[in-house]
Amino acid sequence: MAKLALFLDEDLPLALSIPLRKRGYDVIHAQELERKGRSDADQLRYAVHEHRCLWSWNVKDFVRLHNEYVQTGQDHWGIIVSKQRPVGEALRRILRLLQTFSQEAMRNRLEFL
């Protein structure tokens, strides 16, 4: 079972990437790639191109983008959305999800933390 590779949207704190990497996950944050300020659609296109599951606190826009992808028959590697949470709680929730879903299982899936 291949672990999910994650792309963290700029809405998430950069600090979340550190403990995930320490646990062996392949994580890239938008800030590290100087992708801050790009449109949500562009961020998702990047995640798709890199075969990464996108995680964001921007629920409304990424639910809309997921629905657009479904309606137009486009594939993505998963979208995880959540309301803003304290870093510790967000980390616990994402670790639970990462232990549940493989990369292939998250393909074209929308998950709420």
PDB file of N, CA and C in Angstrom:
ATOM      1  N   MET A   1       0.852  -1.183   0.000  1.00  0.00           N
ATOM      2  CA  MET A   1       0.000   0.000   0.000  1.00  0.00           C
ATOM      3  C   MET A   1       0.896   1.245   0.000  1.00  0.00           C
ATOM      4  N   ALA A   2       0.852   2.011  -1.067  1.00  0.00           N
ATOM      5  CA  ALA A   2       1.671   3.222  -1.189  1.00  0.00           C
ATOM      6  C   ALA A   2       1.100   4.336  -0.312  1.00  0.00           C
ATOM      7  N   LYS A   3       2.001   4.970   0.457  1.00  0.00           N
ATOM      8  CA  LYS A   3       1.582   6.095   1.298  1.00  0.00           C
ATOM      9  C   LYS A   3       1.189   7.270   0.422  1.00  0.00           C
ATOM     10  N   LEU A   4       0.257   8.052   0.943  1.00  0.00           N
ATOM     11  CA  LEU A   4      -0.144   9.272   0.259  1.00  0.00           C
ATOM     12  C   LEU A   4       1.005  10.269   0.235  1.00  0.00           C
ATOM     13  N   ALA A   5       1.208  10.900  -0.891  1.00  0.00           N
ATOM     14  CA  ALA A   5       2.089  12.058  -0.992  1.00  0.00           C
ATOM     15  C   ALA A   5       1.176  13.272  -0.879  1.00  0.00           C
ATOM     16  N   LEU A   6       1.533  14.216  -0.023  1.00  0.00           N
ATOM     17  CA  LEU A   6       0.657  15.348   0.259  1.00  0.00           C
ATOM     18  C   LEU A   6       1.212  16.662  -0.279  1.00  0.00           C
ATOM     19  N   PHE A   7       0.294  17.508  -0.718  1.00  0.00           N
ATOM     20  CA  PHE A   7       0.585  18.897  -1.036  1.00  0.00           C
ATOM     21  C   PHE A   7      -0.276  19.731  -0.101  1.00  0.00           C
ATOM     22  N   LEU A   8       0.347  20.490   0.786  1.00  0.00           N
ATOM     23  CA  LEU A   8      -0.382  21.318   1.739  1.00  0.00           C
ATOM     24  C   LEU A   8      -0.591  22.701   1.144  1.00  0.00           C
ATOM     25  N   ASP A   9      -1.829  23.099   1.067  1.00  0.00           N
ATOM     26  CA  ASP A   9      -2.201  24.409   0.565  1.00  0.00           C
ATOM     27  C   ASP A   9      -1.685  25.479   1.518  1.00  0.00           C
ATOM     28  N   GLU A  10      -1.557  26.695   1.014  1.00  0.00           N
ATOM     29  CA  GLU A  10      -1.021  27.782   1.827  1.00  0.00           C
ATOM     30  C   GLU A  10      -1.894  28.128   3.040  1.00  0.00           C
ATOM     31  N   ASP A  11      -3.144  27.698   3.053  1.00  0.00           N
ATOM     32  CA  ASP A  11      -4.014  27.959   4.205  1.00  0.00           C
ATOM     33  C   ASP A  11      -3.552  27.205   5.446  1.00  0.00           C
ATOM     34  N   LEU A  12      -2.864  26.100   5.253  1.00  0.00           N
ATOM     35  CA  LEU A  12      -2.380  25.292   6.376  1.00  0.00           C
ATOM     36  C   LEU A  12      -1.050  25.834   6.879  1.00  0.00           C
ATOM     37  N   PRO A  13      -0.801  25.726   8.189  1.00  0.00           N
ATOM     38  CA  PRO A  13       0.492  26.176   8.708  1.00  0.00           C
ATOM     39  C   PRO A  13       1.640  25.310   8.171  1.00  0.00           C
ATOM     40  N   LEU A  14       2.709  25.952   7.790  1.00  0.00           N
ATOM     41  CA  LEU A  14       3.906  25.252   7.328  1.00  0.00           C
ATOM     42  C   LEU A  14       4.388  24.260   8.386  1.00  0.00           C
ATOM     43  N   ALA A  15       4.172  24.580   9.656  1.00  0.00           N
ATOM     44  CA  ALA A  15       4.622  23.733  10.766  1.00  0.00           C
ATOM     45  C   ALA A  15       4.035  22.330  10.712  1.00  0.00           C
ATOM     46  N   LEU A  16       2.916  22.140  10.044  1.00  0.00           N
ATOM     47  CA  LEU A  16       2.321  20.801   9.948  1.00  0.00           C
ATOM     48  C   LEU A  16       3.171  19.848   9.110  1.00  0.00           C
ATOM     49  N   SER A  17       3.961  20.381   8.211  1.00  0.00           N
ATOM     50  CA  SER A  17       4.758  19.506   7.343  1.00  0.00           C
ATOM     51  C   SER A  17       5.891  18.814   8.112  1.00  0.00           C
ATOM     52  N   ILE A  18       6.418  19.434   9.137  1.00  0.00           N
ATOM     53  CA  ILE A  18       7.579  18.889   9.859  1.00  0.00           C
ATOM     54  C   ILE A  18       7.271  17.562  10.559  1.00  0.00           C
ATOM     55  N   PRO A  19       6.242  17.488  11.416  1.00  0.00           N
ATOM     56  CA  PRO A  19       5.977  16.199  12.075  1.00  0.00           C
ATOM     57  C   PRO A  19       5.524  15.111  11.103  1.00  0.00           C
ATOM     58  N   LEU A  20       4.913  15.496   9.992  1.00  0.00           N
ATOM     59  CA  LEU A  20       4.518  14.495   8.998  1.00  0.00           C
ATOM     60  C   LEU A  20       5.758  13.901   8.320  1.00  0.00           C
ATOM     61  N   ARG A  21       6.717  14.745   7.998  1.00  0.00           N
ATOM     62  CA  ARG A  21       7.964  14.248   7.409  1.00  0.00           C
ATOM     63  C   ARG A  21       8.720  13.355   8.385  1.00  0.00           C
ATOM     64  N   LYS A  22       8.723  13.751   9.654  1.00  0.00           N
ATOM     65  CA  LYS A  22       9.417  12.941  10.665  1.00  0.00           C
ATOM     66  C   LYS A  22       8.807  11.548  10.766  1.00  0.00           C
ATOM     67  N   ARG A  23       7.551  11.421  10.396  1.00  0.00           N
ATOM     68  CA  ARG A  23       6.869  10.122  10.421  1.00  0.00           C
ATOM     69  C   ARG A  23       6.972   9.396   9.078  1.00  0.00           C
ATOM     70  N   GLY A  24       7.762   9.939   8.170  1.00  0.00           N
ATOM     71  CA  GLY A  24       8.031   9.260   6.915  1.00  0.00           C
ATOM     72  C   GLY A  24       7.123   9.616   5.752  1.00  0.00           C
ATOM     73  N   TYR A  25       6.316  10.654   5.890  1.00  0.00           N
ATOM     74  CA  TYR A  25       5.416  11.034   4.798  1.00  0.00           C
ATOM     75  C   TYR A  25       6.082  12.038   3.870  1.00  0.00           C
ATOM     76  N   ASP A  26       5.760  11.914   2.593  1.00  0.00           N
ATOM     77  CA  ASP A  26       6.246  12.816   1.555  1.00  0.00           C
ATOM     78  C   ASP A  26       5.299  14.009   1.522  1.00  0.00           C
ATOM     79  N   VAL A  27       5.761  15.138   2.043  1.00  0.00           N
ATOM     80  CA  VAL A  27       4.912  16.322   2.203  1.00  0.00           C
ATOM     81  C   VAL A  27       5.617  17.541   1.621  1.00  0.00           C
ATOM     82  N   ILE A  28       4.875  18.307   0.841  1.00  0.00           N
ATOM     83  CA  ILE A  28       5.363  19.587   0.324  1.00  0.00           C
ATOM     84  C   ILE A  28       4.320  20.642   0.657  1.00  0.00           C
ATOM     85  N   HIS A  29       4.780  21.786   1.110  1.00  0.00           N
ATOM     86  CA  HIS A  29       3.890  22.907   1.432  1.00  0.00           C
ATOM     87  C   HIS A  29       4.010  23.968   0.337  1.00  0.00           C
ATOM     88  N   ALA A  30       2.901  24.604   0.017  1.00  0.00           N
ATOM     89  CA  ALA A  30       2.875  25.635  -1.027  1.00  0.00           C
ATOM     90  C   ALA A  30       3.929  26.717  -0.775  1.00  0.00           C
ATOM     91  N   GLN A  31       4.138  27.084   0.466  1.00  0.00           N
ATOM     92  CA  GLN A  31       5.110  28.126   0.795  1.00  0.00           C
ATOM     93  C   GLN A  31       6.537  27.707   0.419  1.00  0.00           C
ATOM     94  N   GLU A  32       6.855  26.439   0.595  1.00  0.00           N
ATOM     95  CA  GLU A  32       8.196  25.948   0.270  1.00  0.00           C
ATOM     96  C   GLU A  32       8.470  26.017  -1.233  1.00  0.00           C
ATOM     97  N   LEU A  33       7.419  25.959  -2.018  1.00  0.00           N
ATOM     98  CA  LEU A  33       7.545  25.989  -3.479  1.00  0.00           C
ATOM     99  C   LEU A  33       7.294  27.382  -4.054  1.00  0.00           C
ATOM    100  N   GLU A  34       7.139  28.348  -3.154  1.00  0.00           N
ATOM    101  CA  GLU A  34       6.825  29.724  -3.550  1.00  0.00           C
ATOM    102  C   GLU A  34       5.574  29.775  -4.415  1.00  0.00           C
ATOM    103  N   ARG A  35       4.566  29.031  -3.982  1.00  0.00           N
ATOM    104  CA  ARG A  35       3.289  28.974  -4.698  1.00  0.00           C
ATOM    105  C   ARG A  35       2.191  29.756  -3.962  1.00  0.00           C
ATOM    106  N   LYS A  36       2.574  30.521  -2.954  1.00  0.00           N
ATOM    107  CA  LYS A  36       1.569  31.313  -2.237  1.00  0.00           C
ATOM    108  C   LYS A  36       0.959  32.331  -3.190  1.00  0.00           C
ATOM    109  N   GLY A  37      -0.359  32.525  -3.040  1.00  0.00           N
ATOM    110  CA  GLY A  37      -1.059  33.507  -3.845  1.00  0.00           C
ATOM    111  C   GLY A  37      -1.593  32.972  -5.163  1.00  0.00           C
ATOM    112  N   ARG A  38      -1.300  31.741  -5.485  1.00  0.00           N
ATOM    113  CA  ARG A  38      -1.827  31.151  -6.719  1.00  0.00           C
ATOM    114  C   ARG A  38      -3.292  30.770  -6.510  1.00  0.00           C
ATOM    115  N   SER A  39      -4.012  30.656  -7.591  1.00  0.00           N
ATOM    116  CA  SER A  39      -5.435  30.309  -7.484  1.00  0.00           C
ATOM    117  C   SER A  39      -5.584  28.877  -6.978  1.00  0.00           C
ATOM    118  N   ASP A  40      -6.744  28.593  -6.411  1.00  0.00           N
ATOM    119  CA  ASP A  40      -7.025  27.240  -5.929  1.00  0.00           C
ATOM    120  C   ASP A  40      -6.976  26.242  -7.082  1.00  0.00           C
ATOM    121  N   ALA A  41      -7.493  26.627  -8.232  1.00  0.00           N
ATOM    122  CA  ALA A  41      -7.478  25.738  -9.394  1.00  0.00           C
ATOM    123  C   ALA A  41      -6.038  25.426  -9.805  1.00  0.00           C
ATOM    124  N   ASP A  42      -5.178  26.428  -9.755  1.00  0.00           N
ATOM    125  CA  ASP A  42      -3.772  26.218 -10.104  1.00  0.00           C
ATOM    126  C   ASP A  42      -3.091  25.305  -9.078  1.00  0.00           C
ATOM    127  N   GLN A  43      -3.423  25.485  -7.797  1.00  0.00           N
ATOM    128  CA  GLN A  43      -2.831  24.621  -6.758  1.00  0.00           C
ATOM    129  C   GLN A  43      -3.260  23.169  -6.988  1.00  0.00           C
ATOM    130  N   LEU A  44      -4.512  22.967  -7.322  1.00  0.00           N
ATOM    131  CA  LEU A  44      -4.986  21.605  -7.562  1.00  0.00           C
ATOM    132  C   LEU A  44      -4.331  21.018  -8.813  1.00  0.00           C
ATOM    133  N   ARG A  45      -4.186  21.818  -9.862  1.00  0.00           N
ATOM    134  CA  ARG A  45      -3.505  21.328 -11.068  1.00  0.00           C
ATOM    135  C   ARG A  45      -2.076  20.897 -10.739  1.00  0.00           C
ATOM    136  N   TYR A  46      -1.393  21.673  -9.909  1.00  0.00           N
ATOM    137  CA  TYR A  46      -0.035  21.305  -9.496  1.00  0.00           C
ATOM    138  C   TYR A  46      -0.054  19.967  -8.761  1.00  0.00           C
ATOM    139  N   ALA A  47      -0.964  19.814  -7.802  1.00  0.00           N
ATOM    140  CA  ALA A  47      -1.057  18.569  -7.029  1.00  0.00           C
ATOM    141  C   ALA A  47      -1.321  17.385  -7.962  1.00  0.00           C
ATOM    142  N   VAL A  48      -2.199  17.567  -8.930  1.00  0.00           N
ATOM    143  CA  VAL A  48      -2.505  16.496  -9.881  1.00  0.00           C
ATOM    144  C   VAL A  48      -1.254  16.137 -10.684  1.00  0.00           C
ATOM    145  N   HIS A  49      -0.572  17.146 -11.181  1.00  0.00           N
ATOM    146  CA  HIS A  49       0.633  16.920 -11.986  1.00  0.00           C
ATOM    147  C   HIS A  49       1.695  16.152 -11.200  1.00  0.00           C
ATOM    148  N   GLU A  50       1.798  16.436  -9.909  1.00  0.00           N
ATOM    149  CA  GLU A  50       2.814  15.811  -9.049  1.00  0.00           C
ATOM    150  C   GLU A  50       2.314  14.533  -8.360  1.00  0.00           C
ATOM    151  N   HIS A  51       1.094  14.105  -8.681  1.00  0.00           N
ATOM    152  CA  HIS A  51       0.475  12.910  -8.080  1.00  0.00           C
ATOM    153  C   HIS A  51       0.413  13.034  -6.554  1.00  0.00           C
ATOM    154  N   ARG A  52      -0.058  14.186  -6.092  1.00  0.00           N
ATOM    155  CA  ARG A  52      -0.159  14.459  -4.663  1.00  0.00           C
ATOM    156  C   ARG A  52      -1.607  14.727  -4.278  1.00  0.00           C
ATOM    157  N   CYS A  53      -1.947  14.304  -3.100  1.00  0.00           N
ATOM    158  CA  CYS A  53      -3.243  14.599  -2.499  1.00  0.00           C
ATOM    159  C   CYS A  53      -3.151  16.001  -1.900  1.00  0.00           C
ATOM    160  N   LEU A  54      -4.109  16.850  -2.206  1.00  0.00           N
ATOM    161  CA  LEU A  54      -4.103  18.221  -1.713  1.00  0.00           C
ATOM    162  C   LEU A  54      -4.880  18.306  -0.405  1.00  0.00           C
ATOM    163  N   TRP A  55      -4.314  19.018   0.564  1.00  0.00           N
ATOM    164  CA  TRP A  55      -4.974  19.231   1.850  1.00  0.00           C
ATOM    165  C   TRP A  55      -5.113  20.729   2.070  1.00  0.00           C
ATOM    166  N   SER A  56      -6.314  21.171   2.415  1.00  0.00           N
ATOM    167  CA  SER A  56      -6.577  22.599   2.612  1.00  0.00           C
ATOM    168  C   SER A  56      -7.642  22.831   3.668  1.00  0.00           C
ATOM    169  N   TRP A  57      -7.599  24.003   4.250  1.00  0.00           N
ATOM    170  CA  TRP A  57      -8.665  24.448   5.139  1.00  0.00           C
ATOM    171  C   TRP A  57      -9.698  25.267   4.356  1.00  0.00           C
ATOM    172  N   ASN A  58      -9.513  25.413   3.082  1.00  0.00           N
ATOM    173  CA  ASN A  58     -10.416  26.162   2.228  1.00  0.00           C
ATOM    174  C   ASN A  58     -11.492  25.194   1.705  1.00  0.00           C
ATOM    175  N   VAL A  59     -12.417  24.866   2.570  1.00  0.00           N
ATOM    176  CA  VAL A  59     -13.413  23.836   2.267  1.00  0.00           C
ATOM    177  C   VAL A  59     -14.252  24.195   1.051  1.00  0.00           C
ATOM    178  N   LYS A  60     -14.858  25.348   1.057  1.00  0.00           N
ATOM    179  CA  LYS A  60     -15.821  25.734   0.017  1.00  0.00           C
ATOM    180  C   LYS A  60     -15.225  25.630  -1.387  1.00  0.00           C
ATOM    181  N   ASP A  61     -14.056  26.225  -1.594  1.00  0.00           N
ATOM    182  CA  ASP A  61     -13.489  26.272  -2.942  1.00  0.00           C
ATOM    183  C   ASP A  61     -13.007  24.905  -3.418  1.00  0.00           C
ATOM    184  N   PHE A  62     -12.441  24.104  -2.515  1.00  0.00           N
ATOM    185  CA  PHE A  62     -11.942  22.807  -2.958  1.00  0.00           C
ATOM    186  C   PHE A  62     -13.056  21.767  -3.109  1.00  0.00           C
ATOM    187  N   VAL A  63     -14.149  21.921  -2.391  1.00  0.00           N
ATOM    188  CA  VAL A  63     -15.318  21.064  -2.651  1.00  0.00           C
ATOM    189  C   VAL A  63     -15.856  21.390  -4.040  1.00  0.00           C
ATOM    190  N   ARG A  64     -15.929  22.678  -4.357  1.00  0.00           N
ATOM    191  CA  ARG A  64     -16.388  23.102  -5.687  1.00  0.00           C
ATOM    192  C   ARG A  64     -15.469  22.543  -6.772  1.00  0.00           C
ATOM    193  N   LEU A  65     -14.155  22.649  -6.573  1.00  0.00           N
ATOM    194  CA  LEU A  65     -13.217  22.130  -7.572  1.00  0.00           C
ATOM    195  C   LEU A  65     -13.332  20.618  -7.725  1.00  0.00           C
ATOM    196  N   HIS A  66     -13.497  19.908  -6.604  1.00  0.00           N
ATOM    197  CA  HIS A  66     -13.693  18.458  -6.685  1.00  0.00           C
ATOM    198  C   HIS A  66     -14.922  18.151  -7.537  1.00  0.00           C
ATOM    199  N   ASN A  67     -16.016  18.863  -7.290  1.00  0.00           N
ATOM    200  CA  ASN A  67     -17.248  18.633  -8.055  1.00  0.00           C
ATOM    201  C   ASN A  67     -17.051  18.935  -9.542  1.00  0.00           C
ATOM    202  N   GLU A  68     -16.282  19.977  -9.849  1.00  0.00           N
ATOM    203  CA  GLU A  68     -15.991  20.293 -11.250  1.00  0.00           C
ATOM    204  C   GLU A  68     -15.190  19.166 -11.899  1.00  0.00           C
ATOM    205  N   TYR A  69     -14.220  18.640 -11.180  1.00  0.00           N
ATOM    206  CA  TYR A  69     -13.422  17.536 -11.716  1.00  0.00           C
ATOM    207  C   TYR A  69     -14.309  16.317 -11.993  1.00  0.00           C
ATOM    208  N   VAL A  70     -15.206  16.022 -11.070  1.00  0.00           N
ATOM    209  CA  VAL A  70     -16.110  14.881 -11.253  1.00  0.00           C
ATOM    210  C   VAL A  70     -16.987  15.100 -12.482  1.00  0.00           C
ATOM    211  N   GLN A  71     -17.577  16.281 -12.578  1.00  0.00           N
ATOM    212  CA  GLN A  71     -18.488  16.575 -13.684  1.00  0.00           C
ATOM    213  C   GLN A  71     -17.799  16.559 -15.041  1.00  0.00           C
ATOM    214  N   THR A  72     -16.527  16.915 -15.084  1.00  0.00           N
ATOM    215  CA  THR A  72     -15.811  16.983 -16.362  1.00  0.00           C
ATOM    216  C   THR A  72     -14.942  15.750 -16.618  1.00  0.00           C
ATOM    217  N   GLY A  73     -15.009  14.767 -15.721  1.00  0.00           N
ATOM    218  CA  GLY A  73     -14.272  13.523 -15.917  1.00  0.00           C
ATOM    219  C   GLY A  73     -12.769  13.643 -15.724  1.00  0.00           C
ATOM    220  N   GLN A  74     -12.335  14.660 -14.984  1.00  0.00           N
ATOM    221  CA  GLN A  74     -10.909  14.842 -14.699  1.00  0.00           C
ATOM    222  C   GLN A  74     -10.531  14.068 -13.434  1.00  0.00           C
ATOM    223  N   ASP A  75      -9.333  13.557 -13.406  1.00  0.00           N
ATOM    224  CA  ASP A  75      -8.837  12.830 -12.238  1.00  0.00           C
ATOM    225  C   ASP A  75      -7.990  13.725 -11.352  1.00  0.00           C
ATOM    226  N   HIS A  76      -8.015  13.431 -10.065  1.00  0.00           N
ATOM    227  CA  HIS A  76      -7.085  14.052  -9.120  1.00  0.00           C
ATOM    228  C   HIS A  76      -6.654  12.978  -8.130  1.00  0.00           C
ATOM    229  N   TRP A  77      -5.678  13.282  -7.311  1.00  0.00           N
ATOM    230  CA  TRP A  77      -5.095  12.300  -6.380  1.00  0.00           C
ATOM    231  C   TRP A  77      -5.641  12.453  -4.973  1.00  0.00           C
ATOM    232  N   GLY A  78      -6.812  13.060  -4.863  1.00  0.00           N
ATOM    233  CA  GLY A  78      -7.461  13.218  -3.572  1.00  0.00           C
ATOM    234  C   GLY A  78      -7.413  14.648  -3.088  1.00  0.00           C
ATOM    235  N   ILE A  79      -8.474  15.021  -2.404  1.00  0.00           N
ATOM    236  CA  ILE A  79      -8.563  16.340  -1.781  1.00  0.00           C
ATOM    237  C   ILE A  79      -9.051  16.108  -0.360  1.00  0.00           C
ATOM    238  N   ILE A  80      -8.329  16.682   0.593  1.00  0.00           N
ATOM    239  CA  ILE A  80      -8.698  16.620   1.999  1.00  0.00           C
ATOM    240  C   ILE A  80      -9.003  18.036   2.438  1.00  0.00           C
ATOM    241  N   VAL A  81     -10.171  18.240   3.023  1.00  0.00           N
ATOM    242  CA  VAL A  81     -10.548  19.572   3.495  1.00  0.00           C
ATOM    243  C   VAL A  81     -10.981  19.497   4.951  1.00  0.00           C
ATOM    244  N   SER A  82     -10.834  20.619   5.607  1.00  0.00           N
ATOM    245  CA  SER A  82     -11.205  20.709   7.008  1.00  0.00           C
ATOM    246  C   SER A  82     -11.368  22.171   7.378  1.00  0.00           C
ATOM    247  N   LYS A  83     -12.177  22.426   8.370  1.00  0.00           N
ATOM    248  CA  LYS A  83     -12.185  23.773   8.934  1.00  0.00           C
ATOM    249  C   LYS A  83     -10.862  23.958   9.676  1.00  0.00           C
ATOM    250  N   GLN A  84     -10.519  25.201   9.949  1.00  0.00           N
ATOM    251  CA  GLN A  84      -9.277  25.477  10.675  1.00  0.00           C
ATOM    252  C   GLN A  84      -9.309  24.825  12.039  1.00  0.00           C
ATOM    253  N   ARG A  85      -8.202  24.196  12.406  1.00  0.00           N
ATOM    254  CA  ARG A  85      -8.087  23.509  13.684  1.00  0.00           C
ATOM    255  C   ARG A  85      -6.722  23.815  14.294  1.00  0.00           C
ATOM    256  N   PRO A  86      -6.594  23.644  15.612  1.00  0.00           N
ATOM    257  CA  PRO A  86      -5.269  23.770  16.218  1.00  0.00           C
ATOM    258  C   PRO A  86      -4.318  22.745  15.587  1.00  0.00           C
ATOM    259  N   VAL A  87      -3.038  23.077  15.507  1.00  0.00           N
ATOM    260  CA  VAL A  87      -2.065  22.227  14.827  1.00  0.00           C
ATOM    261  C   VAL A  87      -2.071  20.796  15.368  1.00  0.00           C
ATOM    262  N   GLY A  88      -2.103  20.628  16.681  1.00  0.00           N
ATOM    263  CA  GLY A  88      -2.090  19.286  17.266  1.00  0.00           C
ATOM    264  C   GLY A  88      -3.293  18.459  16.853  1.00  0.00           C
ATOM    265  N   GLU A  89      -4.449  19.070  16.869  1.00  0.00           N
ATOM    266  CA  GLU A  89      -5.665  18.353  16.472  1.00  0.00           C
ATOM    267  C   GLU A  89      -5.641  18.023  14.980  1.00  0.00           C
ATOM    268  N   ALA A  90      -5.210  18.973  14.167  1.00  0.00           N
ATOM    269  CA  ALA A  90      -5.119  18.732  12.727  1.00  0.00           C
ATOM    270  C   ALA A  90      -4.142  17.591  12.439  1.00  0.00           C
ATOM    271  N   LEU A  91      -3.033  17.569  13.157  1.00  0.00           N
ATOM    272  CA  LEU A  91      -2.048  16.508  12.969  1.00  0.00           C
ATOM    273  C   LEU A  91      -2.626  15.147  13.336  1.00  0.00           C
ATOM    274  N   ARG A  92      -3.306  15.057  14.462  1.00  0.00           N
ATOM    275  CA  ARG A  92      -3.926  13.783  14.862  1.00  0.00           C
ATOM    276  C   ARG A  92      -4.925  13.299  13.812  1.00  0.00           C
ATOM    277  N   ARG A  93      -5.733  14.206  13.314  1.00  0.00           N
ATOM    278  CA  ARG A  93      -6.755  13.835  12.330  1.00  0.00           C
ATOM    279  C   ARG A  93      -6.137  13.394  11.003  1.00  0.00           C
ATOM    280  N   ILE A  94      -5.115  14.128  10.537  1.00  0.00           N
ATOM    281  CA  ILE A  94      -4.519  13.754   9.256  1.00  0.00           C
ATOM    282  C   ILE A  94      -3.762  12.439   9.378  1.00  0.00           C
ATOM    283  N   LEU A  95      -3.115  12.188  10.518  1.00  0.00           N
ATOM    284  CA  LEU A  95      -2.414  10.913  10.703  1.00  0.00           C
ATOM    285  C   LEU A  95      -3.388   9.741  10.666  1.00  0.00           C
ATOM    286  N   ARG A  96      -4.541   9.916  11.252  1.00  0.00           N
ATOM    287  CA  ARG A  96      -5.563   8.863  11.208  1.00  0.00           C
ATOM    288  C   ARG A  96      -5.978   8.593   9.758  1.00  0.00           C
ATOM    289  N   LEU A  97      -6.177   9.657   8.998  1.00  0.00           N
ATOM    290  CA  LEU A  97      -6.564   9.498   7.599  1.00  0.00           C
ATOM    291  C   LEU A  97      -5.430   8.848   6.797  1.00  0.00           C
ATOM    292  N   LEU A  98      -4.204   9.266   7.036  1.00  0.00           N
ATOM    293  CA  LEU A  98      -3.063   8.721   6.301  1.00  0.00           C
ATOM    294  C   LEU A  98      -2.848   7.240   6.585  1.00  0.00           C
ATOM    295  N   GLN A  99      -3.243   6.804   7.759  1.00  0.00           N
ATOM    296  CA  GLN A  99      -3.123   5.385   8.103  1.00  0.00           C
ATOM    297  C   GLN A  99      -4.277   4.562   7.520  1.00  0.00           C
ATOM    298  N   THR A 100      -5.318   5.245   7.079  1.00  0.00           N
ATOM    299  CA  THR A 100      -6.505   4.579   6.553  1.00  0.00           C
ATOM    300  C   THR A 100      -6.477   4.429   5.038  1.00  0.00           C
ATOM    301  N   PHE A 101      -6.004   5.456   4.334  1.00  0.00           N
ATOM    302  CA  PHE A 101      -6.095   5.488   2.876  1.00  0.00           C
ATOM    303  C   PHE A 101      -4.727   5.413   2.214  1.00  0.00           C
ATOM    304  N   SER A 102      -4.639   4.581   1.188  1.00  0.00           N
ATOM    305  CA  SER A 102      -3.437   4.542   0.348  1.00  0.00           C
ATOM    306  C   SER A 102      -3.569   5.627  -0.720  1.00  0.00           C
ATOM    307  N   GLN A 103      -2.501   5.825  -1.461  1.00  0.00           N
ATOM    308  CA  GLN A 103      -2.540   6.802  -2.556  1.00  0.00           C
ATOM    309  C   GLN A 103      -3.632   6.440  -3.561  1.00  0.00           C
ATOM    310  N   GLU A 104      -3.701   5.186  -3.929  1.00  0.00           N
ATOM    311  CA  GLU A 104      -4.694   4.773  -4.919  1.00  0.00           C
ATOM    312  C   GLU A 104      -6.128   4.899  -4.366  1.00  0.00           C
ATOM    313  N   ALA A 105      -6.315   4.610  -3.092  1.00  0.00           N
ATOM    314  CA  ALA A 105      -7.652   4.703  -2.491  1.00  0.00           C
ATOM    315  C   ALA A 105      -8.160   6.144  -2.427  1.00  0.00           C
ATOM    316  N   MET A 106      -7.258   7.110  -2.370  1.00  0.00           N
ATOM    317  CA  MET A 106      -7.662   8.518  -2.311  1.00  0.00           C
ATOM    318  C   MET A 106      -7.913   9.123  -3.682  1.00  0.00           C
ATOM    319  N   ARG A 107      -7.554   8.412  -4.721  1.00  0.00           N
ATOM    320  CA  ARG A 107      -7.714   8.952  -6.072  1.00  0.00           C
ATOM    321  C   ARG A 107      -9.169   9.349  -6.316  1.00  0.00           C
ATOM    322  N   ASN A 108      -9.367  10.582  -6.723  1.00  0.00           N
ATOM    323  CA  ASN A 108     -10.680  11.176  -7.039  1.00  0.00           C
ATOM    324  C   ASN A 108     -11.621  11.234  -5.835  1.00  0.00           C
ATOM    325  N   ARG A 109     -11.076  11.146  -4.650  1.00  0.00           N
ATOM    326  CA  ARG A 109     -11.876  11.132  -3.428  1.00  0.00           C
ATOM    327  C   ARG A 109     -11.781  12.494  -2.729  1.00  0.00           C
ATOM    328  N   LEU A 110     -12.876  12.892  -2.113  1.00  0.00           N
ATOM    329  CA  LEU A 110     -12.927  14.098  -1.282  1.00  0.00           C
ATOM    330  C   LEU A 110     -13.179  13.632   0.142  1.00  0.00           C
ATOM    331  N   GLU A 111     -12.282  14.005   1.052  1.00  0.00           N
ATOM    332  CA  GLU A 111     -12.418  13.602   2.460  1.00  0.00           C
ATOM    333  C   GLU A 111     -12.452  14.843   3.351  1.00  0.00           C
ATOM    334  N   PHE A 112     -13.327  14.788   4.333  1.00  0.00           N
ATOM    335  CA  PHE A 112     -13.447  15.864   5.338  1.00  0.00           C
ATOM    336  C   PHE A 112     -12.791  15.374   6.629  1.00  0.00           C
ATOM    337  N   LEU A 113     -11.862  16.164   7.164  1.00  0.00           N
ATOM    338  CA  LEU A 113     -11.238  15.806   8.444  1.00  0.00           C
ATOM    339  C   LEU A 113     -12.138  16.228   9.587  1.00  0.00           C
TER     340      LEU A 113
END
